[in-house]
C-alpha cells in the first residue's frame, strides 16, 4: 500500500497589487498575510492551517499613506506604530486606538488592514473608524470598490470581503474637532478589550460620531446617543447629567455577552462610564479652544 503524498503548501509573494489580486483569484485558498499578528497565533495554536499564503510584505504601495485633503488614505499594510507616530494630529482617535494595540513589537508588525480582514468585534481599530465614517478600499481583478465601514462588519469575524478580494486601503476623514478612544481591559497593556469606545466631535457641523467595540457580535455605533441634544449655542450649560444620559444611551446600543473577559452587565456599565467620560473630555477640549 502506497502512502499518500503529503499536502503541498503554497506560498506566493507578489511584487504589485495587481499581481496580488490575480494570484488571489487563481488561488482562492491562499490567505493574505502582512503583519501576521493574528494569523500566526492561530497557526501556532493549531487553530488554523492555511493551504497557502499570499505574502503582502513586498508591496510598498500598501505600506504608504497619503493626504487626500479632507481625509487620509492609509494603505492596508501601514503598521499601527506609524499611525501613532505620523497621524496623531489629523486622526487622533485612530492614533489613540493604535497606541493600545499589543506590545511595541506587535504595533510594529500589526496593520489596520489585518484588523479589518480579521473582523473581530474586539479589534481596537474598528470603533474610531466607525466614529469618523471611514471607508474600506477593496481590490479585485475586476477593479476597486469602496465599502463604508458601517457596512463592512457582518458578524463575528465575518466581513463584506468576498472571495478573491483584497483590502488595499482605508480612507479616514480628518478630525474636525476633538476625538477620544477609551478601552477597558484586565490590565494596561497586551490585552484584548473587555469593551472599547470611540467618540468624534464636530463642533462646526454640531455632530457626534460613535464606535463601540467588544460589546456585540460586530463593532457598533450608537445612533440614539449621537442624536442627543447638546447645548451647542450655550456650551456652559453642559453638565454631568447630560454626560450620564449620553453614557446610558451608548450602553443601551451595545449587545454584549458574558464571556471569559467580562459579563454583559459589566460591559454595559463600563461603556456608560467611558462614553460619559469621553463626551466630557471632547466637549471641554472643543470649548477651551474657542474660549466659549
Protein backbone atom coordinates (compact mmCIF):
# COMPACT_ATOMS: atom_id res chain seq x y z
CA UNK A 1 0.00 0.00 0.00
CA UNK A 2 1.46 3.33 -1.08
CA UNK A 3 1.43 6.12 1.49
CA UNK A 4 -0.44 9.26 0.47
CA UNK A 5 1.76 12.14 -0.60
CA UNK A 6 1.84 14.98 1.94
CA UNK A 7 -0.28 18.00 1.03
CA UNK A 8 1.73 20.77 -0.61
CA UNK A 9 1.78 24.21 0.97
CA UNK A 10 1.51 27.14 -1.43
CA UNK A 11 3.45 30.35 -0.85
CA UNK A 12 3.03 33.36 -3.15
CA UNK A 13 4.92 36.66 -2.93
CA UNK A 14 3.57 39.24 -5.41
CA UNK A 15 5.50 42.34 -6.37
CA UNK A 16 2.48 44.57 -7.06
CA UNK A 17 -1.19 44.83 -6.05
CA UNK A 18 -2.46 43.78 -9.49
CA UNK A 19 -0.33 40.63 -9.26
CA UNK A 20 -1.62 40.02 -5.72
CA UNK A 21 -5.29 40.09 -6.74
CA UNK A 22 -4.53 37.92 -9.78
CA UNK A 23 -2.83 35.34 -7.57
CA UNK A 24 -5.73 35.52 -5.11
CA UNK A 25 -8.19 34.85 -7.93
CA UNK A 26 -6.10 31.90 -9.13
CA UNK A 27 -5.56 30.54 -5.60
CA UNK A 28 -8.71 31.32 -3.56
CA UNK A 29 -7.42 29.10 -0.76
CA UNK A 30 -4.50 31.49 -0.16
CA UNK A 31 -4.67 33.63 3.00
CA UNK A 32 -3.24 37.17 2.62
CA UNK A 33 -0.70 37.98 5.32
CA UNK A 34 1.07 41.24 6.14
CA UNK A 35 1.90 41.54 9.86
CA UNK A 36 0.59 38.06 10.69
CA UNK A 37 -0.06 39.01 14.32
CA UNK A 38 -3.47 37.28 14.34
CA UNK A 39 -2.93 34.55 11.77
CA UNK A 40 0.32 33.19 13.14
CA UNK A 41 -1.11 32.92 16.66
CA UNK A 42 -3.91 30.77 15.23
CA UNK A 43 -1.37 28.69 13.30
CA UNK A 44 0.82 28.20 16.39
CA UNK A 45 -2.18 27.03 18.40
CA UNK A 46 -3.28 24.72 15.56
CA UNK A 47 -6.50 26.65 15.17
CA UNK A 48 -5.74 27.43 11.52
CA UNK A 49 -3.89 25.51 8.80
CA UNK A 50 -3.88 27.60 5.62
CA UNK A 51 -3.31 25.65 2.43
CA UNK A 52 -1.45 28.64 1.03
CA UNK A 53 -0.33 32.13 2.00
CA UNK A 54 -0.15 35.33 -0.01
CA UNK A 55 2.75 37.38 1.37
CA UNK A 56 1.95 41.11 1.07
CA UNK A 57 5.11 42.41 2.72
CA UNK A 58 6.76 43.15 -0.62
CA UNK A 59 4.02 45.57 -1.72
CA UNK A 60 5.39 49.04 -0.99
CA UNK A 61 2.16 50.67 -2.19
CA UNK A 62 0.27 49.09 0.72
CA UNK A 63 2.74 50.49 3.25
CA UNK A 64 2.14 54.16 2.47
CA UNK A 65 -0.44 56.74 3.49
CA UNK A 66 -1.41 59.90 1.62
CA UNK A 67 -3.12 63.18 2.39
CA UNK A 68 -6.34 63.39 0.36
CA UNK A 69 -7.39 66.85 1.50
CA UNK A 70 -10.29 66.26 3.89
CA UNK A 71 -9.23 62.65 4.54
CA UNK A 72 -6.21 60.40 4.86
CA UNK A 73 -5.83 57.27 2.76
CA UNK A 74 -3.99 54.64 4.79
CA UNK A 75 -2.53 51.66 2.95
CA UNK A 76 -3.65 48.36 4.43
CA UNK A 77 -0.04 47.44 5.21
CA UNK A 78 0.73 50.54 7.29
CA UNK A 79 1.56 49.32 10.83
CA UNK A 80 -0.01 50.71 13.98
CA UNK A 81 3.29 52.21 15.11
CA UNK A 82 3.34 54.54 12.11
CA UNK A 83 -0.29 55.56 12.59
CA UNK A 84 0.57 56.60 16.13
CA UNK A 85 3.79 58.37 15.18
CA UNK A 86 2.71 60.06 11.95
CA UNK A 87 -1.06 60.61 12.05
CA UNK A 88 -1.89 61.56 15.65
CA UNK A 89 -2.53 65.21 14.73
CA UNK A 90 -5.04 64.59 11.92
CA UNK A 91 -6.51 61.26 13.14
CA UNK A 92 -6.25 61.49 16.95
CA UNK A 93 -8.92 58.87 17.71
CA UNK A 94 -7.40 56.24 15.44
CA UNK A 95 -3.90 57.04 16.70
CA UNK A 96 -5.07 56.65 20.31
CA UNK A 97 -6.56 53.25 19.48
CA UNK A 98 -3.39 52.19 17.64
CA UNK A 99 -1.39 53.09 20.74
CA UNK A 100 -3.30 50.48 22.79
CA UNK A 101 -2.64 47.54 20.45
CA UNK A 102 -0.49 44.80 21.99
CA UNK A 103 3.20 45.43 22.59
CA UNK A 104 5.66 47.65 20.68
CA UNK A 105 6.67 44.59 18.64
CA UNK A 106 3.05 43.91 17.66
CA UNK A 107 2.45 47.58 16.83
CA UNK A 108 5.49 47.48 14.56
CA UNK A 109 4.09 44.47 12.67
CA UNK A 110 0.31 44.58 13.00
CA UNK A 111 -1.70 46.51 10.42
CA UNK A 112 -5.07 48.23 10.22
CA UNK A 113 -5.84 46.19 7.10
CA UNK A 114 -5.29 42.99 9.05
CA UNK A 115 -7.57 44.24 11.82
CA UNK A 116 -10.32 44.77 9.26
CA UNK A 117 -9.75 41.45 7.49
CA UNK A 118 -9.95 39.56 10.79
CA UNK A 119 -13.17 41.47 11.65
CA UNK A 120 -13.01 40.57 15.32
CA UNK A 121 -15.59 42.53 17.35
CA UNK A 122 -12.76 43.27 19.82
CA UNK A 123 -10.44 44.84 17.24
CA UNK A 124 -9.08 48.15 18.52
CA UNK A 125 -9.14 49.87 15.14
CA UNK A 126 -12.86 49.44 14.49
CA UNK A 127 -14.50 51.95 16.90
CA UNK A 128 -12.59 55.04 15.67
CA UNK A 129 -13.19 54.04 12.04
CA UNK A 130 -16.93 53.86 12.78
CA UNK A 131 -16.92 57.13 14.73
CA UNK A 132 -15.31 59.01 11.85
CA UNK A 133 -17.21 57.37 8.97
CA UNK A 134 -14.24 55.69 7.28
CA UNK A 135 -14.39 53.76 4.01
CA UNK A 136 -12.65 50.48 3.11
CA UNK A 137 -10.97 50.19 -0.30
CA UNK A 138 -11.12 46.67 -1.75
CA UNK A 139 -9.37 45.48 -4.93
CA UNK A 140 -10.14 42.56 -7.24
CA UNK A 141 -9.17 41.62 -10.77
CA UNK A 142 -12.36 43.43 -11.86
CA UNK A 143 -11.36 46.73 -10.26
CA UNK A 144 -11.78 48.57 -6.97
CA UNK A 145 -14.85 49.04 -4.80
CA UNK A 146 -15.41 51.09 -1.66
CA UNK A 147 -17.42 49.90 1.35
CA UNK A 148 -18.48 52.25 4.18
CA UNK A 149 -17.02 50.79 7.34
CA UNK A 150 -20.51 50.78 8.86
CA UNK A 151 -21.47 48.16 6.23
CA UNK A 152 -18.24 46.17 6.40
CA UNK A 153 -18.89 44.05 9.51
CA UNK A 154 -21.38 41.20 9.02
CA UNK A 155 -20.86 39.03 12.10
CA UNK A 156 -18.18 37.74 14.50
CA UNK A 157 -15.06 37.54 12.31
CA UNK A 158 -17.20 37.92 9.17
CA UNK A 159 -16.97 40.87 6.83
CA UNK A 160 -18.16 42.14 3.46
CA UNK A 161 -14.91 40.88 1.93
CA UNK A 162 -15.68 38.43 -0.89
CA UNK A 163 -13.52 35.55 -2.21
CA UNK A 164 -10.70 36.92 -4.34
CA UNK A 165 -10.85 40.40 -2.78
CA UNK A 166 -8.00 42.21 -1.06
CA UNK A 167 -8.20 45.19 1.31
CA UNK A 168 -5.82 47.78 -0.11
CA UNK A 169 -6.54 50.90 1.97
CA UNK A 170 -8.80 52.66 4.44
CA UNK A 171 -9.85 56.28 3.87
CA UNK A 172 -10.46 58.13 7.14
CA UNK A 173 -11.88 61.68 7.33
CA UNK A 174 -9.58 64.09 9.15
CA UNK A 175 -10.62 65.21 12.60
CA UNK A 176 -12.78 68.35 12.61
CA UNK A 177 -12.78 68.50 16.40
CA UNK A 178 -11.62 66.60 19.48
CA UNK A 179 -11.69 62.79 19.48
CA UNK A 180 -11.38 60.14 22.19
CA UNK A 181 -10.73 56.41 22.40
CA UNK A 182 -11.19 54.57 25.69
CA UNK A 183 -10.52 50.87 26.26
CA UNK A 184 -11.31 48.69 29.26
CA UNK A 185 -9.17 45.62 29.89
CA UNK A 186 -7.82 43.46 32.66
CA UNK A 187 -4.51 45.35 32.57
CA UNK A 188 -2.97 48.37 30.84
CA UNK A 189 -1.06 46.59 28.07
CA UNK A 190 -1.09 43.42 25.95
CA UNK A 191 -4.82 43.00 26.49
CA UNK A 192 -7.89 42.21 24.39
CA UNK A 193 -10.60 44.77 25.12
CA UNK A 194 -13.40 43.89 27.51
CA UNK A 195 -15.07 46.83 25.75
CA UNK A 196 -13.95 49.98 23.98
CA UNK A 197 -15.49 53.24 22.85
CA UNK A 198 -14.56 55.94 20.34
CA UNK A 199 -16.08 59.40 20.05
CA UNK A 200 -15.58 62.11 17.42
CA UNK A 201 -16.98 65.62 17.93
CA UNK A 202 -17.52 68.02 15.01
CA UNK A 203 -18.34 71.44 16.55
CA UNK A 204 -18.97 73.17 13.21
CA UNK A 205 -21.42 70.54 11.95
CA UNK A 206 -22.74 70.05 15.51
CA UNK A 207 -22.38 66.33 15.12
CA UNK A 208 -21.19 63.34 17.17
CA UNK A 209 -19.79 60.07 15.83
CA UNK A 210 -19.59 56.92 17.95
CA UNK A 211 -17.97 53.49 17.80
CA UNK A 212 -18.39 50.59 20.22
CA UNK A 213 -16.00 47.63 20.36
CA UNK A 214 -16.10 44.21 22.05
CA UNK A 215 -19.71 44.62 23.14
CA UNK A 216 -21.70 42.96 20.37
CA UNK A 217 -21.41 40.46 17.52
CA UNK A 218 -19.92 43.24 15.40
CA UNK A 219 -18.44 46.68 16.14
CA UNK A 220 -21.39 49.03 16.63
CA UNK A 221 -22.44 52.66 16.56
CA UNK A 222 -24.92 54.32 18.94
CA UNK A 223 -27.27 56.42 16.75
CA UNK A 224 -29.61 57.34 19.63
CA UNK A 225 -26.63 58.64 21.60
CA UNK A 226 -25.37 60.59 18.58
CA UNK A 227 -28.78 62.29 18.37
CA UNK A 228 -28.64 63.62 21.95
CA UNK A 229 -29.43 67.34 22.21
CA UNK A 230 -26.31 69.21 23.25
CA UNK A 231 -26.15 72.91 24.20
CA UNK A 232 -24.14 73.92 21.15
CA UNK A 233 -25.11 77.60 21.41
CA UNK A 234 -24.60 77.79 25.17
CA UNK A 235 -21.73 75.38 25.95
CA UNK A 236 -21.63 76.27 29.65
CA UNK A 237 -25.00 74.50 30.08
CA UNK A 238 -23.31 71.14 29.51
CA UNK A 239 -23.31 69.17 32.77
CA UNK A 240 -22.76 65.72 34.23
CA UNK A 241 -26.45 64.84 33.90
CA UNK A 242 -26.20 65.26 30.14
CA UNK A 243 -22.96 63.24 30.03
CA UNK A 244 -24.58 60.45 32.06
CA UNK A 245 -27.58 60.34 29.71
CA UNK A 246 -25.22 60.04 26.76
CA UNK A 247 -23.47 57.17 28.52
CA UNK A 248 -26.79 55.45 29.18
CA UNK A 249 -27.71 55.68 25.50
CA UNK A 250 -24.36 54.24 24.42
CA UNK A 251 -24.73 51.33 26.84
CA UNK A 252 -28.25 50.69 25.52
CA UNK A 253 -26.87 50.41 21.97
CA UNK A 254 -24.47 47.62 22.96
CA UNK A 255 -25.29 43.93 22.52
CA UNK A 256 -22.75 42.28 24.81
CA UNK A 257 -22.50 38.69 26.04
CA UNK A 258 -20.94 37.04 29.08
CA UNK A 259 -17.53 35.55 28.28
CA UNK A 260 -14.16 34.87 29.91
CA UNK A 261 -13.22 38.57 29.79
CA UNK A 262 -16.34 40.01 31.41
CA UNK A 263 -20.09 39.87 31.84
CA UNK A 264 -22.64 41.62 29.67
CA UNK A 265 -23.73 43.68 32.67
CA UNK A 266 -20.17 44.85 33.35
CA UNK A 267 -19.63 45.74 29.71
CA UNK A 268 -22.73 47.93 29.65
CA UNK A 269 -21.68 49.65 32.87
CA UNK A 270 -18.14 50.22 31.60
CA UNK A 271 -19.40 51.61 28.29
CA UNK A 272 -21.69 54.04 30.10
CA UNK A 273 -18.76 55.30 32.17
CA UNK A 274 -16.41 55.50 29.18
CA UNK A 275 -18.94 57.29 26.97
CA UNK A 276 -19.80 59.89 29.62
CA UNK A 277 -16.11 60.49 30.27
CA UNK A 278 -15.33 60.75 26.56
CA UNK A 279 -18.11 63.27 25.96
CA UNK A 280 -16.97 65.46 28.86
CA UNK A 281 -13.43 65.41 27.52
CA UNK A 282 -14.24 66.29 23.91
CA UNK A 283 -16.74 68.96 24.97
CA UNK A 284 -14.21 70.58 27.29
CA UNK A 285 -11.45 70.40 24.68
CA UNK A 286 -13.66 71.91 21.96
CA UNK A 287 -14.75 74.86 24.04
CA UNK A 288 -11.37 75.52 25.62
CA UNK A 289 -10.14 76.06 22.05
CA UNK A 290 -12.88 78.54 21.24
CA UNK A 291 -12.86 80.25 24.63
CA UNK A 292 -16.62 79.75 24.98
